[in-house]
Structure formats: structure tokens, C-alpha cells
Amino acid sequence: MRWDIGFLFLTLLAEIVGTVGGFGSSVFFVPIANFYFDFHHVLGLTAVLHLASNVTKIALFRKGFHRQLLLTMGIPSVVFVLLGGLLTPYLSSQLLELILGIFLTIFSLFFIRNPQRALLPTTKNAVLGGVLSGFSAGLMGTGGAIRGLTMAAFNLEKNVFIATSAAIDLLIDASRTVIYAKNGYVTQDIIYAIPVLIGISLLGSGIGKWILRFVDQNRFKQITLFLILGIGLLTLGKIIFAKI
């Protein structure tokens, strides 16, 4: 695996934008890392980075947690992230990249065109959001966008939103790291990089928290959606040009 300044800078940027946008860093980090590493190793790298990232967020935004969401979203998320992770050895890296690119593109286009679209704050939707975000995280490495959309319906205070999302994500990452390690995705290079990833998580989350003091979060989410669209199209473009 190759580590360079450009990749580390983009990882830091993903952490900052993910914190401020509320979607989590994986929605940016996974497609970025995919340009550097094999997709299966990206899954292992993402899980390790997120473990550090979410511990950091919980420490920085510890203003209380929404206990109902921790249960109704957290439990199904853990169950289905395990299912998604167990399926990854049976799918090719290229197919997983294709699924990721399509998902990011459709998700961003839908909410760019329907900015006021929101779910109802019901237990059923919380459970469904947990199922989809967990399965997506296990299979594609990213489920924060679905979880962020679901949690937005509950109109949580900003710090509670981020802390609760990070706590759910921490449960997801702890579970899928075990599966990815068993599948051989968490290599020695990734283990050696843990101190660097922790440093990037601390710095990126801290900068993101500082930016949130000055930026209107709804406007920033719109910018974030356009970034997600661009990354989705780049991911699809990479697959198309690889076949030409």
C-alpha cells in the first residue's frame, strides 16, 4: 500500500467535510481511497479510520446522546453491517465500486432536487435507517449518508446529532472491523498507520467543529451533496475508462 502526502491531505479533508456536513467522512473517504488502493483494502482502512474518528467525535461533541436512536438505529445497524461485511468476499472489487458510484450519484441527485424532502421521525423509519445504513457500511464501506438522512428527521441539537451518529457509527465500525480482519482486509500496513489515522481524525474533527461555529449547516449540506455527486460521477468514470 502506498501512503503519500496527497492521500493524507485528502483524508484530512474528508474528515473535515464529513464532520461539518453531518454525513460522516466515509462517504468521501471511500471513493477517494479507492483511487489509491484495492477496494477490499479500502474497506479495512475505512473501518480503522472510522474507529479513531468516532471516538474523537464522541469526545468533542459530548453534549448527551439520544438514547432511543442509539437503540432503534444502533442494534439493526450492527446486525446488518455484519451481514454486509460477510457478503464482500463474494463480490468483485469492480462490482462494489460500481454499486458505490451508482449509490452516491442517485442519493445526491435526489436530495439536490428535493432539498426539503424529509422522513417522519418514527421508530419504524429509525429501524429501517439502521438496517440500510448498516448494510451499506458493511458492503460498500459507507452508510453515514443514509444514517444522517434518517437522524435529520428527529430535529436533534447539533452536538447531540453528531455525538449520537458517532456512537452508532462506532458500534458499526467495531463490528465490521472484526469481519474485515477475518476476510484479510486489515493488513499490516493499515495497522502500522493507526497512529497517523488517529492524528488525522483528531485534527479533522477539531477543525470541523470549529467551522460549525460560523457556517450555516443547511447550506453546507447542499454544498456537500454536490461534492458527493462529483465523487460518485468520478467513481463511475473510473470504471468506464478502465474498460475502454
Foldseek 3Di string as FASTA:
>chain_A
DDDDPVLLVQQLVLLQLCLLLQLHSQLRNLLSCVVVDQNLLSLLLLLLLLLLLLVLLLVVLVPDADVLLCPLQQPLLLVQLLVQQVCQVVDHSLVLLLVSLVVLQVLLVVCLVVVPDADALDSVLSNVLSNQLSNCCNNNVGRSNSNSRNVVNVVDDSSNSRNHSSSSSNSSSVNSSVSSVVVVSCDPVSVVCSVVSSVSSNVSNVSNVVVNVPDDNSVSNNVVSVVSNVSSVVSVVVSVVVVD
